Each structure stands twice: as C-alpha cells, then as structure tokens.
Amino acid sequence: IIVATPGRLWDLISEVRLRACRLEHLRYLVIDEA
C-alpha cells in the first residue's frame, strides 16, 4: 500500500526512482478529497 501526495509521487516516477510502483498490478485506486 502506498499513500502519497501527487507532487512527490510524480517526482519519484518521472525521475526513474520508483521501480516499486508496479502500476500494472494495481488493484485499488483511492483519490481522497478529490
């Protein structure tokens, strides 16, 4: 489970640091305070 703010999460993805994100296996997506 990853709980994140969009800004830092995208920084890690775009800087090729987030190999653990594994979005192809994502089962639940939660957008709180949408």
PDB file of all heavy atoms in Angstrom:
ATOM      1  N   ILE A   1       0.846  -1.191   0.000  1.00  0.00           N
ATOM      2  CA  ILE A   1       0.000   0.000   0.000  1.00  0.00           C
ATOM      3  C   ILE A   1       0.883   1.243   0.000  1.00  0.00           C
ATOM      4  O   ILE A   1       1.812   1.344   0.808  1.00  0.00           O
ATOM      5  CB  ILE A   1      -0.939   0.025   1.222  1.00  0.00           C
ATOM      6  CG1 ILE A   1      -1.842  -1.212   1.236  1.00  0.00           C
ATOM      7  CG2 ILE A   1      -1.797   1.286   1.225  1.00  0.00           C
ATOM      8  CD1 ILE A   1      -2.711  -1.329   2.472  1.00  0.00           C
ATOM      9  N   ILE A   2       0.599   2.171  -0.908  1.00  0.00           N
ATOM     10  CA  ILE A   2       1.323   3.441  -0.976  1.00  0.00           C
ATOM     11  C   ILE A   2       0.317   4.566  -0.756  1.00  0.00           C
ATOM     12  O   ILE A   2      -0.704   4.638  -1.446  1.00  0.00           O
ATOM     13  CB  ILE A   2       2.026   3.627  -2.336  1.00  0.00           C
ATOM     14  CG1 ILE A   2       3.067   2.521  -2.558  1.00  0.00           C
ATOM     15  CG2 ILE A   2       2.687   4.998  -2.420  1.00  0.00           C
ATOM     16  CD1 ILE A   2       3.719   2.571  -3.929  1.00  0.00           C
ATOM     17  N   VAL A   3       0.600   5.422   0.215  1.00  0.00           N
ATOM     18  CA  VAL A   3      -0.211   6.618   0.473  1.00  0.00           C
ATOM     19  C   VAL A   3       0.659   7.820   0.109  1.00  0.00           C
ATOM     20  O   VAL A   3       1.773   7.951   0.623  1.00  0.00           O
ATOM     21  CB  VAL A   3      -0.658   6.698   1.943  1.00  0.00           C
ATOM     22  CG1 VAL A   3      -1.667   7.816   2.126  1.00  0.00           C
ATOM     23  CG2 VAL A   3      -1.231   5.374   2.408  1.00  0.00           C
ATOM     24  N   ALA A   4       0.163   8.709  -0.759  1.00  0.00           N
ATOM     25  CA  ALA A   4       1.056   9.729  -1.307  1.00  0.00           C
ATOM     26  C   ALA A   4       0.315  11.013  -1.648  1.00  0.00           C
ATOM     27  O   ALA A   4      -0.893  11.010  -1.886  1.00  0.00           O
ATOM     28  CB  ALA A   4       1.754   9.191  -2.563  1.00  0.00           C
ATOM     29  N   THR A   5       1.085  12.103  -1.682  1.00  0.00           N
ATOM     30  CA  THR A   5       0.630  13.336  -2.322  1.00  0.00           C
ATOM     31  C   THR A   5       1.043  13.264  -3.798  1.00  0.00           C
ATOM     32  O   THR A   5       2.109  12.718  -4.111  1.00  0.00           O
ATOM     33  CB  THR A   5       1.261  14.569  -1.658  1.00  0.00           C
ATOM     34  OG1 THR A   5       2.694  14.405  -1.621  1.00  0.00           O
ATOM     35  CG2 THR A   5       0.746  14.749  -0.248  1.00  0.00           C
ATOM     36  N   PRO A   6       0.233  13.786  -4.703  1.00  0.00           N
ATOM     37  CA  PRO A   6       0.549  13.639  -6.134  1.00  0.00           C
ATOM     38  C   PRO A   6       1.891  14.235  -6.534  1.00  0.00           C
ATOM     39  O   PRO A   6       2.592  13.677  -7.389  1.00  0.00           O
ATOM     40  CB  PRO A   6      -0.609  14.360  -6.827  1.00  0.00           C
ATOM     41  CG  PRO A   6      -1.725  14.348  -5.845  1.00  0.00           C
ATOM     42  CD  PRO A   6      -1.076  14.447  -4.497  1.00  0.00           C
ATOM     43  N   GLY A   7       2.283  15.374  -5.918  1.00  0.00           N
ATOM     44  CA  GLY A   7       3.526  16.036  -6.324  1.00  0.00           C
ATOM     45  C   GLY A   7       4.752  15.169  -6.116  1.00  0.00           C
ATOM     46  O   GLY A   7       5.534  14.935  -7.043  1.00  0.00           O
ATOM     47  N   ARG A   8       4.953  14.670  -4.892  1.00  0.00           N
ATOM     48  CA  ARG A   8       6.138  13.858  -4.631  1.00  0.00           C
ATOM     49  C   ARG A   8       6.082  12.520  -5.354  1.00  0.00           C
ATOM     50  O   ARG A   8       7.106  12.016  -5.832  1.00  0.00           O
ATOM     51  CB  ARG A   8       6.271  13.647  -3.114  1.00  0.00           C
ATOM     52  CG  ARG A   8       7.390  12.673  -2.704  1.00  0.00           C
ATOM     53  CD  ARG A   8       8.747  13.012  -3.315  1.00  0.00           C
ATOM     54  NE  ARG A   8       9.247  14.297  -2.939  1.00  0.00           N
ATOM     55  CZ  ARG A   8       9.984  14.521  -1.847  1.00  0.00           C
ATOM     56  NH1 ARG A   8      10.265  13.541  -1.018  1.00  0.00           N
ATOM     57  NH2 ARG A   8      10.427  15.733  -1.600  1.00  0.00           N
ATOM     58  N   LEU A   9       4.892  11.941  -5.469  1.00  0.00           N
ATOM     59  CA  LEU A   9       4.776  10.666  -6.175  1.00  0.00           C
ATOM     60  C   LEU A   9       5.205  10.807  -7.634  1.00  0.00           C
ATOM     61  O   LEU A   9       5.956   9.977  -8.155  1.00  0.00           O
ATOM     62  CB  LEU A   9       3.338  10.150  -6.099  1.00  0.00           C
ATOM     63  CG  LEU A   9       3.072   8.792  -6.749  1.00  0.00           C
ATOM     64  CD1 LEU A   9       3.870   7.700  -6.067  1.00  0.00           C
ATOM     65  CD2 LEU A   9       1.589   8.467  -6.736  1.00  0.00           C
ATOM     66  N   TRP A  10       4.760  11.868  -8.297  1.00  0.00           N
ATOM     67  CA  TRP A  10       5.141  12.063  -9.695  1.00  0.00           C
ATOM     68  C   TRP A  10       6.627  12.386  -9.822  1.00  0.00           C
ATOM     69  O   TRP A  10       7.268  11.992 -10.799  1.00  0.00           O
ATOM     70  CB  TRP A  10       4.296  13.156 -10.331  1.00  0.00           C
ATOM     71  CG  TRP A  10       4.644  13.375 -11.773  1.00  0.00           C
ATOM     72  CD1 TRP A  10       5.224  14.456 -12.338  1.00  0.00           C
ATOM     73  CD2 TRP A  10       4.454  12.433 -12.834  1.00  0.00           C
ATOM     74  NE1 TRP A  10       5.409  14.282 -13.674  1.00  0.00           N
ATOM     75  CE2 TRP A  10       4.941  13.042 -14.020  1.00  0.00           C
ATOM     76  CE3 TRP A  10       3.913  11.154 -12.906  1.00  0.00           C
ATOM     77  CZ2 TRP A  10       4.906  12.400 -15.243  1.00  0.00           C
ATOM     78  CZ3 TRP A  10       3.884  10.516 -14.141  1.00  0.00           C
ATOM     79  CH2 TRP A  10       4.366  11.139 -15.288  1.00  0.00           C
ATOM     80  N   ASP A  11       7.184  13.103  -8.862  1.00  0.00           N
ATOM     81  CA  ASP A  11       8.622  13.374  -8.889  1.00  0.00           C
ATOM     82  C   ASP A  11       9.416  12.075  -8.890  1.00  0.00           C
ATOM     83  O   ASP A  11      10.378  11.910  -9.657  1.00  0.00           O
ATOM     84  CB  ASP A  11       9.029  14.225  -7.677  1.00  0.00           C
ATOM     85  CG  ASP A  11       8.568  15.670  -7.816  1.00  0.00           C
ATOM     86  OD1 ASP A  11       8.238  16.076  -8.941  1.00  0.00           O
ATOM     87  OD2 ASP A  11       8.531  16.380  -6.794  1.00  0.00           O
ATOM     88  N   LEU A  12       9.030  11.136  -8.065  1.00  0.00           N
ATOM     89  CA  LEU A  12       9.744   9.860  -7.986  1.00  0.00           C
ATOM     90  C   LEU A  12       9.560   9.052  -9.263  1.00  0.00           C
ATOM     91  O   LEU A  12      10.492   8.386  -9.724  1.00  0.00           O
ATOM     92  CB  LEU A  12       9.266   9.055  -6.779  1.00  0.00           C
ATOM     93  CG  LEU A  12       9.617   9.643  -5.410  1.00  0.00           C
ATOM     94  CD1 LEU A  12       9.023   8.803  -4.296  1.00  0.00           C
ATOM     95  CD2 LEU A  12      11.118   9.741  -5.240  1.00  0.00           C
ATOM     96  N   ILE A  13       8.358   9.109  -9.845  1.00  0.00           N
ATOM     97  CA  ILE A  13       8.126   8.367 -11.092  1.00  0.00           C
ATOM     98  C   ILE A  13       8.920   8.983 -12.238  1.00  0.00           C
ATOM     99  O   ILE A  13       9.618   8.284 -12.989  1.00  0.00           O
ATOM    100  CB  ILE A  13       6.629   8.357 -11.440  1.00  0.00           C
ATOM    101  CG1 ILE A  13       5.853   7.533 -10.406  1.00  0.00           C
ATOM    102  CG2 ILE A  13       6.408   7.781 -12.837  1.00  0.00           C
ATOM    103  CD1 ILE A  13       4.362   7.547 -10.622  1.00  0.00           C
ATOM    104  N   SER A  14       8.852  10.306 -12.391  1.00  0.00           N
ATOM    105  CA  SER A  14       9.497  10.969 -13.525  1.00  0.00           C
ATOM    106  C   SER A  14      11.010  10.941 -13.425  1.00  0.00           C
ATOM    107  O   SER A  14      11.697  10.993 -14.446  1.00  0.00           O
ATOM    108  CB  SER A  14       9.000  12.417 -13.634  1.00  0.00           C
ATOM    109  OG  SER A  14       9.301  13.137 -12.448  1.00  0.00           O
ATOM    110  N   GLU A  15      11.544  10.844 -12.212  1.00  0.00           N
ATOM    111  CA  GLU A  15      12.992  10.773 -12.038  1.00  0.00           C
ATOM    112  C   GLU A  15      13.499   9.337 -12.013  1.00  0.00           C
ATOM    113  O   GLU A  15      14.629   9.060 -11.635  1.00  0.00           O
ATOM    114  CB  GLU A  15      13.395  11.484 -10.748  1.00  0.00           C
ATOM    115  CG  GLU A  15      13.159  12.996 -10.792  1.00  0.00           C
ATOM    116  CD  GLU A  15      13.519  13.672  -9.494  1.00  0.00           C
ATOM    117  OE1 GLU A  15      14.141  13.006  -8.639  1.00  0.00           O
ATOM    118  OE2 GLU A  15      13.176  14.852  -9.330  1.00  0.00           O
ATOM    119  N   VAL A  16      12.660   8.394 -12.400  1.00  0.00           N
ATOM    120  CA  VAL A  16      13.012   6.977 -12.518  1.00  0.00           C
ATOM    121  C   VAL A  16      13.539   6.448 -11.187  1.00  0.00           C
ATOM    122  O   VAL A  16      14.509   5.713 -11.144  1.00  0.00           O
ATOM    123  CB  VAL A  16      14.054   6.745 -13.644  1.00  0.00           C
ATOM    124  CG1 VAL A  16      14.035   5.290 -14.082  1.00  0.00           C
ATOM    125  CG2 VAL A  16      13.777   7.636 -14.835  1.00  0.00           C
ATOM    126  N   ARG A  17      12.899   6.826 -10.118  1.00  0.00           N
ATOM    127  CA  ARG A  17      13.284   6.292  -8.820  1.00  0.00           C
ATOM    128  C   ARG A  17      12.276   5.295  -8.277  1.00  0.00           C
ATOM    129  O   ARG A  17      12.560   4.589  -7.327  1.00  0.00           O
ATOM    130  CB  ARG A  17      13.418   7.439  -7.808  1.00  0.00           C
ATOM    131  CG  ARG A  17      14.602   8.349  -8.059  1.00  0.00           C
ATOM    132  CD  ARG A  17      14.631   9.450  -7.039  1.00  0.00           C
ATOM    133  NE  ARG A  17      15.783  10.320  -7.207  1.00  0.00           N
ATOM    134  CZ  ARG A  17      15.972  11.444  -6.515  1.00  0.00           C
ATOM    135  NH1 ARG A  17      15.092  11.809  -5.621  1.00  0.00           N
ATOM    136  NH2 ARG A  17      17.035  12.186  -6.723  1.00  0.00           N
ATOM    137  N   LEU A  18      11.086   5.246  -8.874  1.00  0.00           N
ATOM    138  CA  LEU A  18      10.008   4.485  -8.279  1.00  0.00           C
ATOM    139  C   LEU A  18       9.797   3.178  -9.028  1.00  0.00           C
ATOM    140  O   LEU A  18       8.829   2.996  -9.727  1.00  0.00           O
ATOM    141  CB  LEU A  18       8.717   5.309  -8.279  1.00  0.00           C
ATOM    142  CG  LEU A  18       7.533   4.738  -7.498  1.00  0.00           C
ATOM    143  CD1 LEU A  18       7.914   4.472  -6.067  1.00  0.00           C
ATOM    144  CD2 LEU A  18       6.352   5.668  -7.561  1.00  0.00           C
ATOM    145  N   ARG A  19      10.713   2.238  -8.889  1.00  0.00           N
ATOM    146  CA  ARG A  19      10.505   0.955  -9.542  1.00  0.00           C
ATOM    147  C   ARG A  19       9.502   0.101  -8.773  1.00  0.00           C
ATOM    148  O   ARG A  19       9.000  -0.890  -9.287  1.00  0.00           O
ATOM    149  CB  ARG A  19      11.828   0.192  -9.671  1.00  0.00           C
ATOM    150  CG  ARG A  19      12.321  -0.468  -8.386  1.00  0.00           C
ATOM    151  CD  ARG A  19      13.597  -1.224  -8.673  1.00  0.00           C
ATOM    152  NE  ARG A  19      14.138  -1.865  -7.498  1.00  0.00           N
ATOM    153  CZ  ARG A  19      13.843  -3.088  -7.117  1.00  0.00           C
ATOM    154  NH1 ARG A  19      12.972  -3.798  -7.800  1.00  0.00           N
ATOM    155  NH2 ARG A  19      14.399  -3.615  -6.045  1.00  0.00           N
ATOM    156  N   ALA A  20       9.218   0.494  -7.500  1.00  0.00           N
ATOM    157  CA  ALA A  20       8.296  -0.293  -6.688  1.00  0.00           C
ATOM    158  C   ALA A  20       6.840   0.079  -6.931  1.00  0.00           C
ATOM    159  O   ALA A  20       5.954  -0.466  -6.310  1.00  0.00           O
ATOM    160  CB  ALA A  20       8.627  -0.116  -5.214  1.00  0.00           C
ATOM    161  N   CYS A  21       6.582   1.036  -7.815  1.00  0.00           N
ATOM    162  CA  CYS A  21       5.200   1.470  -8.012  1.00  0.00           C
ATOM    163  C   CYS A  21       4.356   0.350  -8.615  1.00  0.00           C
ATOM    164  O   CYS A  21       3.232   0.134  -8.220  1.00  0.00           O
ATOM    165  CB  CYS A  21       5.160   2.704  -8.914  1.00  0.00           C
ATOM    166  SG  CYS A  21       3.567   3.523  -8.932  1.00  0.00           S
ATOM    167  N   ARG A  22       4.861  -0.381  -9.604  1.00  0.00           N
ATOM    168  CA  ARG A  22       4.218  -1.565 -10.168  1.00  0.00           C
ATOM    169  C   ARG A  22       2.754  -1.323 -10.504  1.00  0.00           C
ATOM    170  O   ARG A  22       1.861  -2.028 -10.061  1.00  0.00           O
ATOM    171  CB  ARG A  22       4.347  -2.735  -9.176  1.00  0.00           C
ATOM    172  CG  ARG A  22       5.782  -3.149  -8.918  1.00  0.00           C
ATOM    173  CD  ARG A  22       5.930  -3.854  -7.582  1.00  0.00           C
ATOM    174  NE  ARG A  22       5.761  -2.923  -6.487  1.00  0.00           N
ATOM    175  CZ  ARG A  22       5.048  -3.187  -5.395  1.00  0.00           C
ATOM    176  NH1 ARG A  22       4.445  -4.333  -5.271  1.00  0.00           N
ATOM    177  NH2 ARG A  22       4.947  -2.290  -4.446  1.00  0.00           N
ATOM    178  N   LEU A  23       2.517  -0.278 -11.281  1.00  0.00           N
ATOM    179  CA  LEU A  23       1.150   0.131 -11.561  1.00  0.00           C
ATOM    180  C   LEU A  23       0.364  -0.910 -12.348  1.00  0.00           C
ATOM    181  O   LEU A  23      -0.865  -0.895 -12.327  1.00  0.00           O
ATOM    182  CB  LEU A  23       1.163   1.459 -12.331  1.00  0.00           C
ATOM    183  CG  LEU A  23       1.761   2.648 -11.569  1.00  0.00           C
ATOM    184  CD1 LEU A  23       1.785   3.875 -12.454  1.00  0.00           C
ATOM    185  CD2 LEU A  23       0.981   2.926 -10.297  1.00  0.00           C
ATOM    186  N   GLU A  24       1.057  -1.814 -13.036  1.00  0.00           N
ATOM    187  CA  GLU A  24       0.336  -2.810 -13.816  1.00  0.00           C
ATOM    188  C   GLU A  24      -0.388  -3.816 -12.924  1.00  0.00           C
ATOM    189  O   GLU A  24      -1.265  -4.544 -13.387  1.00  0.00           O
ATOM    190  CB  GLU A  24       1.290  -3.537 -14.771  1.00  0.00           C
ATOM    191  CG  GLU A  24       2.277  -4.497 -14.086  1.00  0.00           C
ATOM    192  CD  GLU A  24       3.504  -3.776 -13.583  1.00  0.00           C
ATOM    193  OE1 GLU A  24       3.494  -2.533 -13.542  1.00  0.00           O
ATOM    194  OE2 GLU A  24       4.488  -4.446 -13.234  1.00  0.00           O
ATOM    195  N   HIS A  25      -0.030  -3.879 -11.650  1.00  0.00           N
ATOM    196  CA  HIS A  25      -0.674  -4.814 -10.730  1.00  0.00           C
ATOM    197  C   HIS A  25      -1.582  -4.100  -9.732  1.00  0.00           C
ATOM    198  O   HIS A  25      -2.012  -4.702  -8.751  1.00  0.00           O
ATOM    199  CB  HIS A  25       0.387  -5.611  -9.966  1.00  0.00           C
ATOM    200  CG  HIS A  25       1.335  -6.347 -10.860  1.00  0.00           C
ATOM    201  ND1 HIS A  25       0.942  -7.394 -11.654  1.00  0.00           N
ATOM    202  CD2 HIS A  25       2.660  -6.169 -11.113  1.00  0.00           C
ATOM    203  CE1 HIS A  25       1.974  -7.844 -12.343  1.00  0.00           C
ATOM    204  NE2 HIS A  25       3.029  -7.113 -12.042  1.00  0.00           N
ATOM    205  N   LEU A  26      -1.855  -2.815  -9.951  1.00  0.00           N
ATOM    206  CA  LEU A  26      -2.663  -2.037  -9.019  1.00  0.00           C
ATOM    207  C   LEU A  26      -4.093  -2.575  -8.963  1.00  0.00           C
ATOM    208  O   LEU A  26      -4.739  -2.763  -9.978  1.00  0.00           O
ATOM    209  CB  LEU A  26      -2.677  -0.565  -9.447  1.00  0.00           C
ATOM    210  CG  LEU A  26      -3.484   0.395  -8.580  1.00  0.00           C
ATOM    211  CD1 LEU A  26      -2.900   0.446  -7.181  1.00  0.00           C
ATOM    212  CD2 LEU A  26      -3.510   1.776  -9.204  1.00  0.00           C
ATOM    213  N   ARG A  27      -4.576  -2.806  -7.748  1.00  0.00           N
ATOM    214  CA  ARG A  27      -5.930  -3.337  -7.571  1.00  0.00           C
ATOM    215  C   ARG A  27      -6.910  -2.274  -7.081  1.00  0.00           C
ATOM    216  O   ARG A  27      -8.072  -2.292  -7.449  1.00  0.00           O
ATOM    217  CB  ARG A  27      -5.902  -4.513  -6.592  1.00  0.00           C
ATOM    218  CG  ARG A  27      -5.133  -5.726  -7.094  1.00  0.00           C
ATOM    219  CD  ARG A  27      -5.140  -6.834  -6.066  1.00  0.00           C
ATOM    220  NE  ARG A  27      -6.495  -7.269  -5.756  1.00  0.00           N
ATOM    221  CZ  ARG A  27      -6.790  -8.121  -4.781  1.00  0.00           C
ATOM    222  NH1 ARG A  27      -5.826  -8.608  -4.018  1.00  0.00           N
ATOM    223  NH2 ARG A  27      -8.047  -8.466  -4.552  1.00  0.00           N
ATOM    224  N   TYR A  28      -6.455  -1.365  -6.222  1.00  0.00           N
ATOM    225  CA  TYR A  28      -7.343  -0.350  -5.665  1.00  0.00           C
ATOM    226  C   TYR A  28      -6.709   1.024  -5.860  1.00  0.00           C
ATOM    227  O   TYR A  28      -5.566   1.245  -5.475  1.00  0.00           O
ATOM    228  CB  TYR A  28      -7.584  -0.577  -4.166  1.00  0.00           C
ATOM    229  CG  TYR A  28      -8.217  -1.896  -3.831  1.00  0.00           C
ATOM    230  CD1 TYR A  28      -7.437  -2.970  -3.432  1.00  0.00           C
ATOM    231  CD2 TYR A  28      -9.595  -2.072  -3.920  1.00  0.00           C
ATOM    232  CE1 TYR A  28      -8.012  -4.188  -3.122  1.00  0.00           C
ATOM    233  CE2 TYR A  28     -10.177  -3.285  -3.611  1.00  0.00           C
ATOM    234  CZ  TYR A  28      -9.382  -4.345  -3.212  1.00  0.00           C
ATOM    235  OH  TYR A  28      -9.955  -5.544  -2.918  1.00  0.00           O
ATOM    236  N   LEU A  29      -7.466   1.939  -6.440  1.00  0.00           N
ATOM    237  CA  LEU A  29      -7.041   3.320  -6.596  1.00  0.00           C
ATOM    238  C   LEU A  29      -7.965   4.202  -5.772  1.00  0.00           C
ATOM    239  O   LEU A  29      -9.192   4.152  -5.950  1.00  0.00           O
ATOM    240  CB  LEU A  29      -7.077   3.744  -8.066  1.00  0.00           C
ATOM    241  CG  LEU A  29      -6.840   5.232  -8.338  1.00  0.00           C
ATOM    242  CD1 LEU A  29      -5.423   5.622  -7.923  1.00  0.00           C
ATOM    243  CD2 LEU A  29      -7.087   5.559  -9.797  1.00  0.00           C
ATOM    244  N   VAL A  30      -7.404   4.997  -4.873  1.00  0.00           N
ATOM    245  CA  VAL A  30      -8.199   5.866  -4.000  1.00  0.00           C
ATOM    246  C   VAL A  30      -7.739   7.304  -4.204  1.00  0.00           C
ATOM    247  O   VAL A  30      -6.542   7.601  -4.082  1.00  0.00           O
ATOM    248  CB  VAL A  30      -8.033   5.473  -2.516  1.00  0.00           C
ATOM    249  CG1 VAL A  30      -8.896   6.360  -1.627  1.00  0.00           C
ATOM    250  CG2 VAL A  30      -8.376   4.004  -2.313  1.00  0.00           C
ATOM    251  N   ILE A  31      -8.674   8.183  -4.512  1.00  0.00           N
ATOM    252  CA  ILE A  31      -8.386   9.612  -4.623  1.00  0.00           C
ATOM    253  C   ILE A  31      -9.226  10.313  -3.563  1.00  0.00           C
ATOM    254  O   ILE A  31     -10.426  10.515  -3.742  1.00  0.00           O
ATOM    255  CB  ILE A  31      -8.697  10.151  -6.037  1.00  0.00           C
ATOM    256  CG1 ILE A  31      -7.947   9.333  -7.092  1.00  0.00           C
ATOM    257  CG2 ILE A  31      -8.324  11.622  -6.137  1.00  0.00           C
ATOM    258  CD1 ILE A  31      -8.283   9.713  -8.509  1.00  0.00           C
ATOM    259  N   ASP A  32      -8.606  10.645  -2.451  1.00  0.00           N
ATOM    260  CA  ASP A  32      -9.318  11.267  -1.341  1.00  0.00           C
ATOM    261  C   ASP A  32      -9.331  12.786  -1.516  1.00  0.00           C
ATOM    262  O   ASP A  32      -8.411  13.355  -2.093  1.00  0.00           O
ATOM    263  CB  ASP A  32      -8.636  10.885  -0.025  1.00  0.00           C
ATOM    264  CG  ASP A  32      -9.502  11.215   1.173  1.00  0.00           C
ATOM    265  OD1 ASP A  32     -10.713  11.408   0.992  1.00  0.00           O
ATOM    266  OD2 ASP A  32      -8.968  11.280   2.296  1.00  0.00           O
ATOM    267  N   GLU A  33     -10.361  13.416  -0.994  1.00  0.00           N
ATOM    268  CA  GLU A  33     -10.543  14.858  -1.138  1.00  0.00           C
ATOM    269  C   GLU A  33     -10.441  15.264  -2.612  1.00  0.00           C
ATOM    270  O   GLU A  33      -9.770  16.238  -2.979  1.00  0.00           O
ATOM    271  CB  GLU A  33      -9.503  15.622  -0.308  1.00  0.00           C
ATOM    272  CG  GLU A  33      -9.494  15.258   1.165  1.00  0.00           C
ATOM    273  CD  GLU A  33     -10.742  15.717   1.893  1.00  0.00           C
ATOM    274  OE1 GLU A  33     -11.521  16.505   1.306  1.00  0.00           O
ATOM    275  OE2 GLU A  33     -10.958  15.301   3.032  1.00  0.00           O
ATOM    276  N   ALA A  34     -11.135  14.505  -3.453  1.00  0.00           N
ATOM    277  CA  ALA A  34     -11.000  14.715  -4.904  1.00  0.00           C
ATOM    278  C   ALA A  34     -11.528  16.066  -5.343  1.00  0.00           C
ATOM    279  O   ALA A  34     -11.058  16.604  -6.356  1.00  0.00           O
ATOM    280  CB  ALA A  34     -11.718  13.590  -5.657  1.00  0.00           C
TER     281      ALA A  34
END
